[in-house]
């Protein structure tokens, strides 16, 4: 565990020194929320659960949980997805 923290700290310092985007170097997710009807997630790992009221997505570090009504994944690729519907809540688990 200590080695992982040291490795992450080294990567953070590298990002800072090289002026590189964190999402590229660290594999961090980029989440764009547009009002209550659209969410785009970049750099996700997989879809865990998908219903019209709940979508759970795994990212590198955490799980993202969206709940609402009439939720649907409009499109997805290997590293990006767009979720639409009436989004009531958005949380990291």
PDB file of N, CA and C in Angstrom:
ATOM      1  N   UNK A   1       0.824  -1.190   0.000  1.00  0.00           N
ATOM      2  CA  UNK A   1       0.000   0.000   0.000  1.00  0.00           C
ATOM      3  C   UNK A   1       0.869   1.256   0.000  1.00  0.00           C
ATOM      4  N   UNK A   2       1.945   1.212   0.804  1.00  0.00           N
ATOM      5  CA  UNK A   2       2.828   2.369   0.873  1.00  0.00           C
ATOM      6  C   UNK A   2       3.488   2.625  -0.476  1.00  0.00           C
ATOM      7  N   UNK A   3       3.858   1.550  -1.168  1.00  0.00           N
ATOM      8  CA  UNK A   3       4.487   1.683  -2.482  1.00  0.00           C
ATOM      9  C   UNK A   3       3.536   2.341  -3.482  1.00  0.00           C
ATOM     10  N   UNK A   4       2.248   1.992  -3.431  1.00  0.00           N
ATOM     11  CA  UNK A   4       1.257   2.584  -4.331  1.00  0.00           C
ATOM     12  C   UNK A   4       1.128   4.083  -4.098  1.00  0.00           C
ATOM     13  N   UNK A   5       1.130   4.507  -2.817  1.00  0.00           N
ATOM     14  CA  UNK A   5       1.020   5.928  -2.503  1.00  0.00           C
ATOM     15  C   UNK A   5       2.247   6.690  -2.994  1.00  0.00           C
ATOM     16  N   UNK A   6       3.428   6.087  -2.816  1.00  0.00           N
ATOM     17  CA  UNK A   6       4.651   6.725  -3.294  1.00  0.00           C
ATOM     18  C   UNK A   6       4.631   6.852  -4.813  1.00  0.00           C
ATOM     19  N   UNK A   7       4.153   5.820  -5.480  1.00  0.00           N
ATOM     20  CA  UNK A   7       4.060   5.844  -6.939  1.00  0.00           C
ATOM     21  C   UNK A   7       3.094   6.938  -7.411  1.00  0.00           C
ATOM     22  N   UNK A   8       1.931   7.050  -6.754  1.00  0.00           N
ATOM     23  CA  UNK A   8       0.963   8.093  -7.110  1.00  0.00           C
ATOM     24  C   UNK A   8       1.545   9.481  -6.864  1.00  0.00           C
ATOM     25  N   UNK A   9       2.260   9.641  -5.754  1.00  0.00           N
ATOM     26  CA  UNK A   9       2.881  10.929  -5.441  1.00  0.00           C
ATOM     27  C   UNK A   9       3.918  11.294  -6.507  1.00  0.00           C
ATOM     28  N   UNK A  10       4.701  10.309  -6.944  1.00  0.00           N
ATOM     29  CA  UNK A  10       5.698  10.550  -7.987  1.00  0.00           C
ATOM     30  C   UNK A  10       5.023  10.960  -9.294  1.00  0.00           C
ATOM     31  N   UNK A  11       3.924  10.300  -9.642  1.00  0.00           N
ATOM     32  CA  UNK A  11       3.183  10.649 -10.857  1.00  0.00           C
ATOM     33  C   UNK A  11       2.625  12.066 -10.761  1.00  0.00           C
ATOM     34  N   UNK A  12       2.101  12.436  -9.587  1.00  0.00           N
ATOM     35  CA  UNK A  12       1.578  13.795  -9.383  1.00  0.00           C
ATOM     36  C   UNK A  12       2.683  14.823  -9.597  1.00  0.00           C
ATOM     37  N   UNK A  13       3.869  14.558  -9.071  1.00  0.00           N
ATOM     38  CA  UNK A  13       4.989  15.483  -9.243  1.00  0.00           C
ATOM     39  C   UNK A  13       5.406  15.578 -10.711  1.00  0.00           C
ATOM     40  N   UNK A  14       5.379  14.444 -11.415  1.00  0.00           N
ATOM     41  CA  UNK A  14       5.714  14.430 -12.831  1.00  0.00           C
ATOM     42  C   UNK A  14       4.715  15.262 -13.630  1.00  0.00           C
ATOM     43  N   UNK A  15       3.443  15.110 -13.328  1.00  0.00           N
ATOM     44  CA  UNK A  15       2.401  15.881 -14.002  1.00  0.00           C
ATOM     45  C   UNK A  15       2.624  17.363 -13.784  1.00  0.00           C
ATOM     46  N   UNK A  16       2.899  17.732 -12.554  1.00  0.00           N
ATOM     47  CA  UNK A  16       3.111  19.135 -12.219  1.00  0.00           C
ATOM     48  C   UNK A  16       4.337  19.691 -12.932  1.00  0.00           C
ATOM     49  N   UNK A  17       5.419  18.945 -12.950  1.00  0.00           N
ATOM     50  CA  UNK A  17       6.660  19.421 -13.557  1.00  0.00           C
ATOM     51  C   UNK A  17       6.559  19.511 -15.079  1.00  0.00           C
ATOM     52  N   UNK A  18       5.833  18.594 -15.685  1.00  0.00           N
ATOM     53  CA  UNK A  18       5.770  18.546 -17.144  1.00  0.00           C
ATOM     54  C   UNK A  18       4.581  19.313 -17.721  1.00  0.00           C
ATOM     55  N   UNK A  19       3.743  19.867 -16.845  1.00  0.00           N
ATOM     56  CA  UNK A  19       2.539  20.575 -17.300  1.00  0.00           C
ATOM     57  C   UNK A  19       1.676  19.704 -18.211  1.00  0.00           C
ATOM     58  N   UNK A  20       1.514  18.454 -17.816  1.00  0.00           N
ATOM     59  CA  UNK A  20       0.699  17.520 -18.589  1.00  0.00           C
ATOM     60  C   UNK A  20      -0.654  17.353 -17.912  1.00  0.00           C
ATOM     61  N   UNK A  21      -1.694  17.080 -18.689  1.00  0.00           N
ATOM     62  CA  UNK A  21      -3.027  16.888 -18.084  1.00  0.00           C
ATOM     63  C   UNK A  21      -3.062  15.655 -17.181  1.00  0.00           C
ATOM     64  N   UNK A  22      -3.694  15.793 -16.025  1.00  0.00           N
ATOM     65  CA  UNK A  22      -3.764  14.691 -15.072  1.00  0.00           C
ATOM     66  C   UNK A  22      -4.508  13.491 -15.638  1.00  0.00           C
ATOM     67  N   UNK A  23      -5.559  13.751 -16.402  1.00  0.00           N
ATOM     68  CA  UNK A  23      -6.328  12.620 -16.917  1.00  0.00           C
ATOM     69  C   UNK A  23      -5.482  11.746 -17.839  1.00  0.00           C
ATOM     70  N   UNK A  24      -4.533  12.329 -18.560  1.00  0.00           N
ATOM     71  CA  UNK A  24      -3.680  11.556 -19.466  1.00  0.00           C
ATOM     72  C   UNK A  24      -2.657  10.747 -18.681  1.00  0.00           C
ATOM     73  N   UNK A  25      -1.953  11.375 -17.762  1.00  0.00           N
ATOM     74  CA  UNK A  25      -0.874  10.715 -17.047  1.00  0.00           C
ATOM     75  C   UNK A  25      -1.400   9.751 -15.986  1.00  0.00           C
ATOM     76  N   UNK A  26      -2.400  10.162 -15.230  1.00  0.00           N
ATOM     77  CA  UNK A  26      -2.880   9.354 -14.113  1.00  0.00           C
ATOM     78  C   UNK A  26      -4.043   8.442 -14.482  1.00  0.00           C
ATOM     79  N   UNK A  27      -4.596   8.598 -15.665  1.00  0.00           N
ATOM     80  CA  UNK A  27      -5.757   7.795 -16.041  1.00  0.00           C
ATOM     81  C   UNK A  27      -7.009   8.209 -15.292  1.00  0.00           C
ATOM     82  N   UNK A  28      -7.037   9.442 -14.823  1.00  0.00           N
ATOM     83  CA  UNK A  28      -8.186   9.933 -14.063  1.00  0.00           C
ATOM     84  C   UNK A  28      -9.393  10.123 -14.974  1.00  0.00           C
ATOM     85  N   UNK A  29     -10.558   9.946 -14.409  1.00  0.00           N
ATOM     86  CA  UNK A  29     -11.793  10.139 -15.167  1.00  0.00           C
ATOM     87  C   UNK A  29     -12.096  11.622 -15.308  1.00  0.00           C
ATOM     88  N   UNK A  30     -12.697  11.960 -16.450  1.00  0.00           N
ATOM     89  CA  UNK A  30     -13.171  13.315 -16.693  1.00  0.00           C
ATOM     90  C   UNK A  30     -14.679  13.215 -16.815  1.00  0.00           C
ATOM     91  N   UNK A  31     -15.383  13.942 -15.957  1.00  0.00           N
ATOM     92  CA  UNK A  31     -16.836  13.871 -15.915  1.00  0.00           C
ATOM     93  C   UNK A  31     -17.392  15.245 -16.220  1.00  0.00           C
ATOM     94  N   UNK A  32     -18.248  15.306 -17.232  1.00  0.00           N
ATOM     95  CA  UNK A  32     -18.879  16.555 -17.626  1.00  0.00           C
ATOM     96  C   UNK A  32     -20.373  16.421 -17.399  1.00  0.00           C
ATOM     97  N   UNK A  33     -20.922  17.309 -16.568  1.00  0.00           N
ATOM     98  CA  UNK A  33     -22.352  17.280 -16.264  1.00  0.00           C
ATOM     99  C   UNK A  33     -22.991  18.500 -16.912  1.00  0.00           C
ATOM    100  N   UNK A  34     -24.012  18.262 -17.727  1.00  0.00           N
ATOM    101  CA  UNK A  34     -24.733  19.345 -18.382  1.00  0.00           C
ATOM    102  C   UNK A  34     -26.151  19.379 -17.829  1.00  0.00           C
ATOM    103  N   UNK A  35     -26.378  20.278 -16.894  1.00  0.00           N
ATOM    104  CA  UNK A  35     -27.697  20.381 -16.267  1.00  0.00           C
ATOM    105  C   UNK A  35     -28.076  19.101 -15.558  1.00  0.00           C
ATOM    106  N   UNK A  36     -29.349  18.749 -15.657  1.00  0.00           N
ATOM    107  CA  UNK A  36     -29.824  17.520 -15.013  1.00  0.00           C
ATOM    108  C   UNK A  36     -30.207  16.466 -16.046  1.00  0.00           C
ATOM    109  N   UNK A  37     -29.732  16.654 -17.278  1.00  0.00           N
ATOM    110  CA  UNK A  37     -30.164  15.726 -18.318  1.00  0.00           C
ATOM    111  C   UNK A  37     -29.039  15.024 -19.081  1.00  0.00           C
ATOM    112  N   UNK A  38     -27.784  15.332 -18.771  1.00  0.00           N
ATOM    113  CA  UNK A  38     -26.708  14.738 -19.556  1.00  0.00           C
ATOM    114  C   UNK A  38     -25.412  14.657 -18.751  1.00  0.00           C
ATOM    115  N   UNK A  39     -24.741  13.504 -18.843  1.00  0.00           N
ATOM    116  CA  UNK A  39     -23.436  13.311 -18.214  1.00  0.00           C
ATOM    117  C   UNK A  39     -22.538  12.585 -19.205  1.00  0.00           C
ATOM    118  N   UNK A  40     -21.322  13.106 -19.389  1.00  0.00           N
ATOM    119  CA  UNK A  40     -20.313  12.430 -20.204  1.00  0.00           C
ATOM    120  C   UNK A  40     -19.189  11.979 -19.279  1.00  0.00           C
ATOM    121  N   UNK A  41     -18.786  10.729 -19.412  1.00  0.00           N
ATOM    122  CA  UNK A  41     -17.723  10.169 -18.578  1.00  0.00           C
ATOM    123  C   UNK A  41     -16.617   9.675 -19.506  1.00  0.00           C
ATOM    124  N   UNK A  42     -15.414  10.181 -19.288  1.00  0.00           N
ATOM    125  CA  UNK A  42     -14.243   9.741 -20.045  1.00  0.00           C
ATOM    126  C   UNK A  42     -13.346   8.927 -19.125  1.00  0.00           C
ATOM    127  N   UNK A  43     -12.621   7.993 -19.684  1.00  0.00           N
ATOM    128  CA  UNK A  43     -11.672   7.138 -18.950  1.00  0.00           C
ATOM    129  C   UNK A  43     -12.377   6.262 -17.912  1.00  0.00           C
ATOM    130  N   UNK A  44     -13.443   5.607 -18.291  1.00  0.00           N
ATOM    131  CA  UNK A  44     -14.107   4.688 -17.376  1.00  0.00           C
ATOM    132  C   UNK A  44     -13.597   3.272 -17.638  1.00  0.00           C
ATOM    133  N   UNK A  45     -13.837   2.383 -16.675  1.00  0.00           N
ATOM    134  CA  UNK A  45     -13.370   0.993 -16.795  1.00  0.00           C
ATOM    135  C   UNK A  45     -14.465   0.041 -17.253  1.00  0.00           C
ATOM    136  N   UNK A  46     -15.709   0.284 -16.802  1.00  0.00           N
ATOM    137  CA  UNK A  46     -16.779  -0.622 -17.185  1.00  0.00           C
ATOM    138  C   UNK A  46     -18.120  -0.209 -16.620  1.00  0.00           C
ATOM    139  N   UNK A  47     -19.169  -0.809 -17.156  1.00  0.00           N
ATOM    140  CA  UNK A  47     -20.529  -0.572 -16.684  1.00  0.00           C
ATOM    141  C   UNK A  47     -20.881  -1.707 -15.723  1.00  0.00           C
ATOM    142  N   UNK A  48     -21.235  -1.356 -14.490  1.00  0.00           N
ATOM    143  CA  UNK A  48     -21.543  -2.352 -13.473  1.00  0.00           C
ATOM    144  C   UNK A  48     -23.027  -2.679 -13.446  1.00  0.00           C
ATOM    145  N   UNK A  49     -23.856  -1.661 -13.535  1.00  0.00           N
ATOM    146  CA  UNK A  49     -25.304  -1.845 -13.487  1.00  0.00           C
ATOM    147  C   UNK A  49     -25.955  -0.822 -14.410  1.00  0.00           C
ATOM    148  N   UNK A  50     -27.013  -1.269 -15.093  1.00  0.00           N
ATOM    149  CA  UNK A  50     -27.661  -0.380 -16.054  1.00  0.00           C
ATOM    150  C   UNK A  50     -29.159  -0.668 -16.087  1.00  0.00           C
ATOM    151  N   UNK A  51     -29.939   0.239 -15.490  1.00  0.00           N
ATOM    152  CA  UNK A  51     -31.394   0.191 -15.582  1.00  0.00           C
ATOM    153  C   UNK A  51     -31.863   1.592 -15.957  1.00  0.00           C
ATOM    154  N   UNK A  52     -33.171   1.753 -16.131  1.00  0.00           N
ATOM    155  CA  UNK A  52     -33.665   3.089 -16.495  1.00  0.00           C
ATOM    156  C   UNK A  52     -33.724   4.036 -15.297  1.00  0.00           C
ATOM    157  N   UNK A  53     -33.430   3.540 -14.088  1.00  0.00           N
ATOM    158  CA  UNK A  53     -33.415   4.397 -12.893  1.00  0.00           C
ATOM    159  C   UNK A  53     -32.046   4.455 -12.205  1.00  0.00           C
ATOM    160  N   UNK A  54     -31.112   3.572 -12.595  1.00  0.00           N
ATOM    161  CA  UNK A  54     -29.795   3.529 -11.948  1.00  0.00           C
ATOM    162  C   UNK A  54     -28.738   3.065 -12.941  1.00  0.00           C
ATOM    163  N   UNK A  55     -27.646   3.820 -13.004  1.00  0.00           N
ATOM    164  CA  UNK A  55     -26.482   3.416 -13.789  1.00  0.00           C
ATOM    165  C   UNK A  55     -25.259   3.533 -12.890  1.00  0.00           C
ATOM    166  N   UNK A  56     -24.516   2.424 -12.777  1.00  0.00           N
ATOM    167  CA  UNK A  56     -23.271   2.420 -12.004  1.00  0.00           C
ATOM    168  C   UNK A  56     -22.121   2.138 -12.952  1.00  0.00           C
ATOM    169  N   UNK A  57     -21.091   2.989 -12.873  1.00  0.00           N
ATOM    170  CA  UNK A  57     -19.937   2.902 -13.773  1.00  0.00           C
ATOM    171  C   UNK A  57     -18.677   2.819 -12.925  1.00  0.00           C
ATOM    172  N   UNK A  58     -17.770   1.908 -13.279  1.00  0.00           N
ATOM    173  CA  UNK A  58     -16.495   1.778 -12.575  1.00  0.00           C
ATOM    174  C   UNK A  58     -15.452   2.647 -13.257  1.00  0.00           C
ATOM    175  N   UNK A  59     -14.742   3.448 -12.452  1.00  0.00           N
ATOM    176  CA  UNK A  59     -13.607   4.219 -12.957  1.00  0.00           C
ATOM    177  C   UNK A  59     -12.356   3.650 -12.301  1.00  0.00           C
ATOM    178  N   UNK A  60     -11.226   4.249 -12.525  1.00  0.00           N
ATOM    179  CA  UNK A  60      -9.973   3.731 -11.973  1.00  0.00           C
ATOM    180  C   UNK A  60     -10.010   3.664 -10.448  1.00  0.00           C
ATOM    181  N   UNK A  61     -10.470   4.721  -9.821  1.00  0.00           N
ATOM    182  CA  UNK A  61     -10.412   4.762  -8.366  1.00  0.00           C
ATOM    183  C   UNK A  61     -11.728   4.527  -7.659  1.00  0.00           C
ATOM    184  N   UNK A  62     -12.817   4.900  -8.261  1.00  0.00           N
ATOM    185  CA  UNK A  62     -14.114   4.857  -7.584  1.00  0.00           C
ATOM    186  C   UNK A  62     -15.200   4.392  -8.531  1.00  0.00           C
ATOM    187  N   UNK A  63     -16.369   4.220  -7.940  1.00  0.00           N
ATOM    188  CA  UNK A  63     -17.559   3.920  -8.713  1.00  0.00           C
ATOM    189  C   UNK A  63     -18.402   5.180  -8.800  1.00  0.00           C
ATOM    190  N   UNK A  64     -19.015   5.400  -9.948  1.00  0.00           N
ATOM    191  CA  UNK A  64     -19.927   6.530 -10.127  1.00  0.00           C
ATOM    192  C   UNK A  64     -21.332   5.954 -10.182  1.00  0.00           C
ATOM    193  N   UNK A  65     -22.230   6.553  -9.416  1.00  0.00           N
ATOM    194  CA  UNK A  65     -23.616   6.091  -9.356  1.00  0.00           C
ATOM    195  C   UNK A  65     -24.537   7.236  -9.753  1.00  0.00           C
ATOM    196  N   UNK A  66     -25.292   7.038 -10.835  1.00  0.00           N
ATOM    197  CA  UNK A  66     -26.268   8.025 -11.288  1.00  0.00           C
ATOM    198  C   UNK A  66     -27.649   7.427 -11.094  1.00  0.00           C
ATOM    199  N   UNK A  67     -28.533   8.180 -10.460  1.00  0.00           N
ATOM    200  CA  UNK A  67     -29.907   7.707 -10.342  1.00  0.00           C
ATOM    201  C   UNK A  67     -30.844   8.779 -10.858  1.00  0.00           C
ATOM    202  N   UNK A  68     -31.996   8.327 -11.353  1.00  0.00           N
ATOM    203  CA  UNK A  68     -32.963   9.246 -11.928  1.00  0.00           C
ATOM    204  C   UNK A  68     -34.080   8.497 -12.619  1.00  0.00           C
ATOM    205  N   UNK A  69     -34.605   9.094 -13.674  1.00  0.00           N
ATOM    206  CA  UNK A  69     -35.703   8.499 -14.439  1.00  0.00           C
ATOM    207  C   UNK A  69     -35.345   8.494 -15.914  1.00  0.00           C
ATOM    208  N   UNK A  70     -35.781   7.477 -16.609  1.00  0.00           N
ATOM    209  CA  UNK A  70     -35.587   7.359 -18.057  1.00  0.00           C
ATOM    210  C   UNK A  70     -34.112   7.473 -18.449  1.00  0.00           C
ATOM    211  N   UNK A  71     -33.221   6.919 -17.615  1.00  0.00           N
ATOM    212  CA  UNK A  71     -31.793   6.985 -17.907  1.00  0.00           C
ATOM    213  C   UNK A  71     -31.453   6.015 -19.036  1.00  0.00           C
ATOM    214  N   UNK A  72     -30.586   6.466 -19.907  1.00  0.00           N
ATOM    215  CA  UNK A  72     -30.088   5.582 -20.954  1.00  0.00           C
ATOM    216  C   UNK A  72     -28.693   6.015 -21.381  1.00  0.00           C
ATOM    217  N   UNK A  73     -27.926   5.042 -21.810  1.00  0.00           N
ATOM    218  CA  UNK A  73     -26.601   5.337 -22.337  1.00  0.00           C
ATOM    219  C   UNK A  73     -26.793   5.625 -23.825  1.00  0.00           C
ATOM    220  N   UNK A  74     -26.600   6.876 -24.185  1.00  0.00           N
ATOM    221  CA  UNK A  74     -26.809   7.282 -25.578  1.00  0.00           C
ATOM    222  C   UNK A  74     -25.748   6.672 -26.486  1.00  0.00           C
ATOM    223  N   UNK A  75     -24.490   6.681 -26.028  1.00  0.00           N
ATOM    224  CA  UNK A  75     -23.419   6.009 -26.770  1.00  0.00           C
ATOM    225  C   UNK A  75     -22.290   5.691 -25.807  1.00  0.00           C
ATOM    226  N   UNK A  76     -21.458   4.744 -26.197  1.00  0.00           N
ATOM    227  CA  UNK A  76     -20.238   4.481 -25.440  1.00  0.00           C
ATOM    228  C   UNK A  76     -19.179   3.924 -26.376  1.00  0.00           C
ATOM    229  N   UNK A  77     -17.928   4.251 -26.060  1.00  0.00           N
ATOM    230  CA  UNK A  77     -16.767   3.719 -26.764  1.00  0.00           C
ATOM    231  C   UNK A  77     -15.892   3.062 -25.710  1.00  0.00           C
ATOM    232  N   UNK A  78     -14.689   2.694 -26.071  1.00  0.00           N
ATOM    233  CA  UNK A  78     -13.790   2.060 -25.097  1.00  0.00           C
ATOM    234  C   UNK A  78     -13.439   2.974 -23.928  1.00  0.00           C
ATOM    235  N   UNK A  79     -13.482   4.290 -24.123  1.00  0.00           N
ATOM    236  CA  UNK A  79     -13.064   5.178 -23.032  1.00  0.00           C
ATOM    237  C   UNK A  79     -14.016   6.338 -22.763  1.00  0.00           C
ATOM    238  N   UNK A  80     -15.160   6.403 -23.443  1.00  0.00           N
ATOM    239  CA  UNK A  80     -16.080   7.519 -23.212  1.00  0.00           C
ATOM    240  C   UNK A  80     -17.524   7.056 -23.347  1.00  0.00           C
ATOM    241  N   UNK A  81     -18.407   7.648 -22.536  1.00  0.00           N
ATOM    242  CA  UNK A  81     -19.837   7.364 -22.658  1.00  0.00           C
ATOM    243  C   UNK A  81     -20.645   8.608 -22.367  1.00  0.00           C
ATOM    244  N   UNK A  82     -21.864   8.628 -22.910  1.00  0.00           N
ATOM    245  CA  UNK A  82     -22.787   9.731 -22.665  1.00  0.00           C
ATOM    246  C   UNK A  82     -24.093   9.137 -22.136  1.00  0.00           C
ATOM    247  N   UNK A  83     -24.504   9.636 -20.977  1.00  0.00           N
ATOM    248  CA  UNK A  83     -25.732   9.188 -20.324  1.00  0.00           C
ATOM    249  C   UNK A  83     -26.736  10.333 -20.372  1.00  0.00           C
ATOM    250  N   UNK A  84     -27.953  10.014 -20.779  1.00  0.00           N
ATOM    251  CA  UNK A  84     -29.005  11.032 -20.838  1.00  0.00           C
ATOM    252  C   UNK A  84     -30.217  10.555 -20.044  1.00  0.00           C
ATOM    253  N   UNK A  85     -31.096  11.479 -19.726  1.00  0.00           N
ATOM    254  CA  UNK A  85     -32.299  11.192 -18.968  1.00  0.00           C
ATOM    255  C   UNK A  85     -32.508  12.264 -17.922  1.00  0.00           C
ATOM    256  N   UNK A  86     -33.412  12.011 -16.990  1.00  0.00           N
ATOM    257  CA  UNK A  86     -33.654  12.941 -15.890  1.00  0.00           C
ATOM    258  C   UNK A  86     -32.798  12.491 -14.710  1.00  0.00           C
ATOM    259  N   UNK A  87     -31.642  13.136 -14.534  1.00  0.00           N
ATOM    260  CA  UNK A  87     -30.671  12.733 -13.511  1.00  0.00           C
ATOM    261  C   UNK A  87     -31.017  13.432 -12.198  1.00  0.00           C
ATOM    262  N   UNK A  88     -31.319  12.626 -11.177  1.00  0.00           N
ATOM    263  CA  UNK A  88     -31.678  13.163  -9.861  1.00  0.00           C
ATOM    264  C   UNK A  88     -30.480  13.261  -8.928  1.00  0.00           C
ATOM    265  N   UNK A  89     -29.568  12.284  -9.016  1.00  0.00           N
ATOM    266  CA  UNK A  89     -28.388  12.326  -8.147  1.00  0.00           C
ATOM    267  C   UNK A  89     -27.187  11.709  -8.847  1.00  0.00           C
ATOM    268  N   UNK A  90     -26.027  12.149  -8.392  1.00  0.00           N
ATOM    269  CA  UNK A  90     -24.750  11.731  -8.950  1.00  0.00           C
ATOM    270  C   UNK A  90     -23.811  11.597  -7.759  1.00  0.00           C
ATOM    271  N   UNK A  91     -23.217  10.416  -7.573  1.00  0.00           N
ATOM    272  CA  UNK A  91     -22.322  10.266  -6.417  1.00  0.00           C
ATOM    273  C   UNK A  91     -21.173   9.340  -6.724  1.00  0.00           C
ATOM    274  N   UNK A  92     -20.096   9.532  -5.960  1.00  0.00           N
ATOM    275  CA  UNK A  92     -18.940   8.646  -6.006  1.00  0.00           C
ATOM    276  C   UNK A  92     -19.057   7.677  -4.851  1.00  0.00           C
ATOM    277  N   UNK A  93     -18.846   6.399  -5.121  1.00  0.00           N
ATOM    278  CA  UNK A  93     -18.942   5.366  -4.070  1.00  0.00           C
ATOM    279  C   UNK A  93     -17.589   4.717  -3.872  1.00  0.00           C
TER     280      UNK A  93
END
